[in-house]
Protein backbone atom coordinates (compact mmCIF):
# COMPACT_ATOMS: atom_id res chain seq x y z
CA MET A 1 128.47 42.10 78.04
CA LEU A 2 131.42 41.90 80.39
CA LYS A 3 132.07 45.64 80.26
CA PRO A 4 128.66 46.71 81.80
CA ILE A 5 129.04 44.11 84.58
CA PHE A 6 132.59 45.29 85.27
CA SER A 7 131.43 48.96 85.39
CA PHE A 8 128.58 48.09 87.75
CA GLY A 9 130.93 46.04 89.96
CA MET A 10 133.47 48.86 90.03
CA ALA A 11 130.75 51.38 90.98
CA LEU A 12 129.61 49.16 93.87
CA TYR A 13 133.18 48.74 95.07
CA LEU A 14 133.85 52.49 94.98
CA ALA A 15 130.56 53.29 96.71
CA ALA A 16 131.31 50.79 99.49
CA ALA A 17 134.88 52.03 99.88
CA PHE A 18 133.79 55.61 100.45
CA MET A 19 130.77 54.96 102.69
CA PRO A 20 131.41 55.85 106.31
CA VAL A 21 131.52 52.96 108.69
CA VAL A 22 128.43 52.83 110.94
CA GLY A 23 129.31 53.95 114.44
CA GLN A 24 132.18 56.16 113.31
CA ALA A 25 129.92 59.16 112.66
CA GLU A 26 130.18 61.98 115.16
CA LYS A 27 127.28 62.16 117.60
CA LEU A 28 125.11 65.24 117.25
CA ALA A 29 123.78 67.15 120.21
CA PRO A 30 120.06 66.69 120.78
CA ALA A 31 117.90 69.46 119.37
CA ASN A 32 116.46 71.86 121.90
CA VAL A 33 113.74 73.66 120.00
CA ALA A 34 112.04 77.00 120.51
CA VAL A 35 109.31 78.53 118.38
CA LEU A 36 109.01 82.10 117.09
CA ASN A 37 105.90 83.46 115.41
CA SER A 38 107.49 85.97 113.03
CA ALA A 39 104.09 87.04 111.68
CA LYS A 40 103.03 87.99 115.20
CA VAL A 41 106.25 89.95 115.68
CA LEU A 42 105.51 91.91 112.49
CA ARG A 43 101.90 92.44 113.56
CA GLU A 44 102.38 93.39 117.20
CA SER A 45 105.82 94.84 117.85
CA LYS A 46 106.20 98.60 118.22
CA PRO A 47 109.00 98.85 115.63
CA ALA A 48 106.94 96.97 113.03
CA LYS A 49 103.89 99.10 113.74
CA SER A 50 105.97 102.27 113.42
CA ILE A 51 107.29 101.08 110.05
CA GLU A 52 103.77 100.32 108.86
CA ARG A 53 102.47 103.69 110.05
CA GLN A 54 105.25 105.62 108.28
CA ILE A 55 104.98 103.61 105.05
CA ASP A 56 101.21 104.14 105.05
CA ALA A 57 101.76 107.90 105.43
CA TYR A 58 104.20 107.98 102.50
CA ARG A 59 101.82 105.83 100.45
CA GLU A 60 98.93 108.21 101.16
CA LYS A 61 101.09 111.21 100.26
CA TYR A 62 102.01 109.58 96.94
CA ARG A 63 98.39 108.63 96.30
CA LYS A 64 97.30 112.26 96.73
CA GLU A 65 100.12 113.57 94.52
CA THR A 66 99.29 111.03 91.82
CA ALA A 67 95.58 111.80 92.00
CA ALA A 68 96.29 115.52 91.55
CA GLU A 69 98.58 114.83 88.58
CA GLU A 70 96.00 112.51 87.00
CA LYS A 71 93.30 115.16 87.48
CA GLU A 72 95.50 117.73 85.75
CA LEU A 73 96.07 115.32 82.84
CA ARG A 74 92.32 114.72 82.50
CA ASN A 75 91.76 118.49 82.43
CA GLN A 76 94.44 118.87 79.75
CA GLN A 77 92.86 116.07 77.74
CA ALA A 78 89.44 117.76 77.95
CA ARG A 79 90.93 121.10 76.83
CA LEU A 80 92.71 119.32 73.99
CA ARG A 81 89.44 117.74 72.81
CA GLN A 82 87.74 121.13 72.92
CA LYS A 83 90.49 122.66 70.79
CA GLN A 84 90.47 119.80 68.28
CA SER A 85 87.78 121.33 66.10
CA VAL A 86 89.57 124.68 65.80
CA MET A 87 93.11 123.30 65.37
CA SER A 88 94.79 122.04 62.25
CA LYS A 89 95.45 118.31 62.07
CA GLU A 90 99.20 118.92 62.40
CA ALA A 91 98.82 121.17 65.43
CA PHE A 92 96.42 118.71 67.06
CA ALA A 93 98.81 115.82 66.36
CA LYS A 94 101.65 117.83 67.90
CA GLU A 95 99.58 118.60 71.02
CA THR A 96 98.50 114.94 71.25
CA VAL A 97 102.13 113.78 71.18
CA LYS A 98 102.97 116.30 73.89
CA PHE A 99 100.02 115.07 75.99
CA ARG A 100 101.04 111.40 75.58
CA LYS A 101 104.57 112.26 76.72
CA GLN A 102 103.08 113.77 79.87
CA GLN A 103 101.03 110.59 80.41
CA ASP A 104 104.16 108.47 79.98
CA GLN A 105 106.04 110.70 82.40
CA LEU A 106 103.31 110.25 85.01
CA THR A 107 103.43 106.47 84.54
CA ARG A 108 107.21 106.49 85.02
CA SER A 109 106.86 108.73 88.05
CA VAL A 110 104.31 106.41 89.66
CA ARG A 111 106.58 103.40 89.06
CA GLU A 112 109.56 105.26 90.48
CA ARG A 113 107.62 106.32 93.59
CA SER A 114 106.46 102.77 94.10
CA ALA A 115 110.00 101.42 93.78
CA ARG A 116 111.34 104.00 96.22
CA LEU A 117 108.59 103.24 98.70
CA LYS A 118 109.38 99.55 98.44
CA ALA A 119 113.10 100.25 98.94
CA SER A 120 112.35 102.32 102.06
CA LEU A 121 110.21 99.51 103.45
CA GLN A 122 112.91 96.93 102.72
CA LYS A 123 115.60 99.00 104.45
CA ALA A 124 113.45 99.43 107.55
CA LEU A 125 112.53 95.73 107.63
CA TYR A 126 116.19 94.82 107.21
CA GLN A 127 117.01 96.85 110.32
CA LEU A 128 114.10 95.24 112.20
CA ASN A 129 115.18 91.74 111.18
CA ASN A 130 118.79 92.36 112.21
CA GLU A 131 117.70 93.47 115.67
CA LEU A 132 115.26 90.58 115.91
CA LEU A 133 118.01 88.07 115.02
CA ALA A 134 120.27 89.51 117.73
CA ILE A 135 117.43 89.22 120.25
CA ILE A 136 116.60 85.67 119.15
CA SER A 137 120.24 84.73 119.57
CA ILE A 138 120.26 85.99 123.16
CA LEU A 139 116.89 84.40 123.94
CA SER A 140 117.99 81.05 122.54
CA VAL A 141 120.89 81.00 124.98
CA GLN A 142 118.63 82.04 127.85
CA VAL A 143 116.11 79.26 127.18
CA GLY A 144 118.73 76.69 126.15
CA ALA A 145 117.51 76.34 122.57
CA ASN A 146 119.83 75.40 119.73
CA LEU A 147 117.11 75.44 117.07
CA ILE A 148 114.48 78.15 116.47
CA ILE A 149 111.61 77.31 114.13
CA ASP A 150 109.08 79.77 112.74
CA ARG A 151 105.50 79.07 113.82
CA LYS A 152 104.26 79.01 110.23
CA GLU A 153 106.26 75.82 109.64
CA LEU A 154 104.57 73.90 112.46
CA VAL A 155 101.28 72.13 112.83
CA TYR A 156 101.51 71.71 116.58
CA TYR A 157 103.88 72.73 119.36
CA ALA A 158 103.81 73.12 123.12
CA LYS A 159 103.21 76.73 124.17
CA ALA A 160 106.07 76.42 126.68
CA ILE A 161 108.67 76.55 123.88
CA ASP A 162 107.25 79.71 122.26
CA ILE A 163 109.59 82.71 122.65
CA THR A 164 107.52 85.12 120.54
CA ASP A 165 106.19 87.28 123.38
CA GLN A 166 109.66 87.54 124.92
CA ALA A 167 111.10 88.54 121.55
CA ILE A 168 108.43 91.22 121.06
CA LYS A 169 109.05 92.58 124.57
CA GLU A 170 112.81 92.77 123.97
CA LEU A 171 112.38 94.27 120.51
CA ASN A 172 110.02 96.95 121.85
CA ALA A 173 112.46 97.78 124.64
CA LYS A 174 115.50 97.89 122.37
CA LEU A 175 114.08 99.74 119.36
CA GLY A 176 110.71 101.26 120.14
CA GLU A 177 110.51 102.89 116.72
CA ILE A 178 112.40 102.56 113.49
CA LYS A 179 112.72 105.67 111.34
CA VAL A 180 111.78 104.88 107.75
CA LYS A 181 113.95 106.74 105.28
CA ASP A 182 112.01 109.20 103.12
CA PRO A 183 111.46 107.40 99.80
CA ALA A 184 112.12 110.64 97.92
CA LYS A 185 115.69 110.59 99.28
CA ILE A 186 116.42 107.06 98.12
CA LYS A 187 118.43 106.85 94.94
């Protein structure tokens, strides 16, 4: 019985000994807040629009290529069905295996294209975000803010502390367009 009381007493003593004394804590500077609507930046800035336009073009190109390859596979499948009645079971099985390998190859190709497209998008957005962070850093000094909060995290804020339009203007002036790397050239 004495041991649990001693352990509890020792824990209280140690906790009290290591607690900072009230009033000895360093004073923090008051927070000067600004708000940035990152969704609006991605929707309205020229660099973001250029990224979206280029990614959409690559996506459409891949969609057309995939559609053509799928059409060719459907044609091969129809020809294979037509030949089934005149082929031996072994020959048909061999042709079916060959056809399934082509289907699997197309599936892998579609996945690979999708991954490369995603990688291209991520690289372009990384560049956009780096430039945006540099601009935000400069703007925060200009407006005297030491804390920038994204609009999506807020319920209410005064419009006067919103730096979104300034950030978009600076981003448009600094970058204009971001060249998206061709997904086919991404390894």
